[in-house]
Every structure is written in C-alpha cells, then in structure tokens.
Protein backbone atom coordinates (compact mmCIF):
# COMPACT_ATOMS: atom_id res chain seq x y z
CA MET A 1 -5.37 104.76 -135.86
CA SER A 2 -3.75 105.89 -132.90
CA ASP A 3 -0.71 107.67 -132.09
CA ASN A 4 -0.80 106.39 -128.66
CA SER A 5 -0.42 109.39 -127.00
CA ASP A 6 -2.32 108.23 -124.16
CA LEU A 7 0.86 105.97 -123.13
CA ARG A 8 3.32 108.75 -124.18
CA ASN A 9 2.02 111.26 -121.82
CA GLU A 10 0.54 109.36 -118.83
CA GLU A 11 3.49 109.10 -116.62
CA ASP A 12 4.64 111.93 -114.49
CA ASN A 13 7.77 110.51 -113.51
CA GLU A 14 9.87 111.64 -116.58
CA ALA A 15 12.29 108.55 -115.92
CA VAL A 16 9.40 105.68 -115.84
CA GLN A 17 7.79 107.67 -119.18
CA ALA A 18 11.23 107.17 -120.84
CA VAL A 19 10.86 103.70 -120.24
CA VAL A 20 7.47 103.31 -120.96
CA ASP A 21 8.47 105.29 -124.42
CA ARG A 22 11.14 103.05 -125.30
CA VAL A 23 9.34 99.84 -124.81
CA LEU A 24 5.93 101.20 -126.75
CA SER A 25 8.47 101.90 -129.52
CA TYR A 26 10.36 98.44 -129.68
CA GLN A 27 7.71 95.98 -128.18
CA SER A 28 4.49 97.38 -129.55
CA GLY A 29 2.40 94.42 -130.81
CA ALA A 30 4.68 92.03 -129.36
CA PRO A 31 3.23 89.07 -126.28
CA ALA A 32 2.09 90.70 -123.55
CA ASP A 33 4.62 88.58 -121.57
CA THR A 34 7.41 90.38 -123.73
CA VAL A 35 6.24 93.82 -123.08
CA ARG A 36 5.73 93.13 -119.17
CA SER A 37 9.19 91.88 -119.19
CA GLU A 38 10.66 94.55 -120.93
CA LEU A 39 8.82 96.94 -118.39
CA GLU A 40 10.09 95.36 -115.49
CA LYS A 41 14.08 95.52 -117.09
CA GLY A 42 13.66 99.34 -117.88
CA LEU A 43 12.15 100.02 -114.25
CA SER A 44 14.73 98.04 -112.52
CA GLU A 45 17.72 99.46 -114.80
CA ILE A 46 16.14 103.15 -113.33
CA GLY A 47 15.40 101.85 -109.86
CA GLU A 48 11.75 102.54 -109.90
CA SER A 49 9.22 99.67 -109.49
CA ARG A 50 5.31 99.65 -110.19
CA SER A 51 2.61 97.82 -108.93
CA GLU A 52 0.96 94.35 -110.77
CA GLU A 53 -2.04 96.27 -112.07
CA TRP A 54 0.02 98.62 -113.46
CA LEU A 55 2.63 96.21 -115.12
CA THR A 56 -0.41 94.18 -116.53
CA ASP A 57 -2.19 97.23 -117.50
CA ASN A 58 0.28 99.02 -119.55
CA ALA A 59 1.77 95.61 -121.03
CA ALA A 60 -1.55 94.99 -122.58
CA ARG A 61 -1.81 98.71 -123.70
CA ILE A 62 1.53 98.12 -125.45
CA ARG A 63 0.68 94.93 -126.69
CA ASP A 64 -1.96 96.28 -128.33
CA ALA A 65 -0.92 99.62 -129.52
CA ASP A 66 -0.80 100.32 -133.07
CA PRO A 67 3.26 100.15 -134.35
CA ALA A 68 2.52 102.82 -137.20
CA GLY A 69 1.36 105.00 -134.12
CA ALA A 70 4.53 104.28 -132.00
C-alpha cells in the first residue's frame, strides 16, 4: 500500500501542489480523462498551466493511486 507521498511532495509551486493534493484526494481511482479535467480546472482557477506531458503523467499517476493512501 502506498501513501502517495510521491504525488504529494513533487511540485515546487505550493498552489499547484494544492491542486494536485485536492484532485488526489477526490479523484484517485477515477478515469484518467476525469482526473486530467480536474487538474486542468484547478490549474486554471489559480492562473497556472502545465505541459501536456505533465497533465498526462499526473492524471495517470492519480488514476492509479491507492485511494486509501490519499
């Protein structure tokens, strides 16, 4: 079982990390498209953006995360 700490402590920008944490908390195990949409929405709300690669990678990692570890 994973505590998902690799997702929780990766981003240098605190606001972006808060978006990742929020999406991880509510969307772990959800389809990657749903997770990606939530990441994009959260980033937009804080005036940030990330590359396609970042979005795809993090959406897949959150999708595959252990919900109990979130």
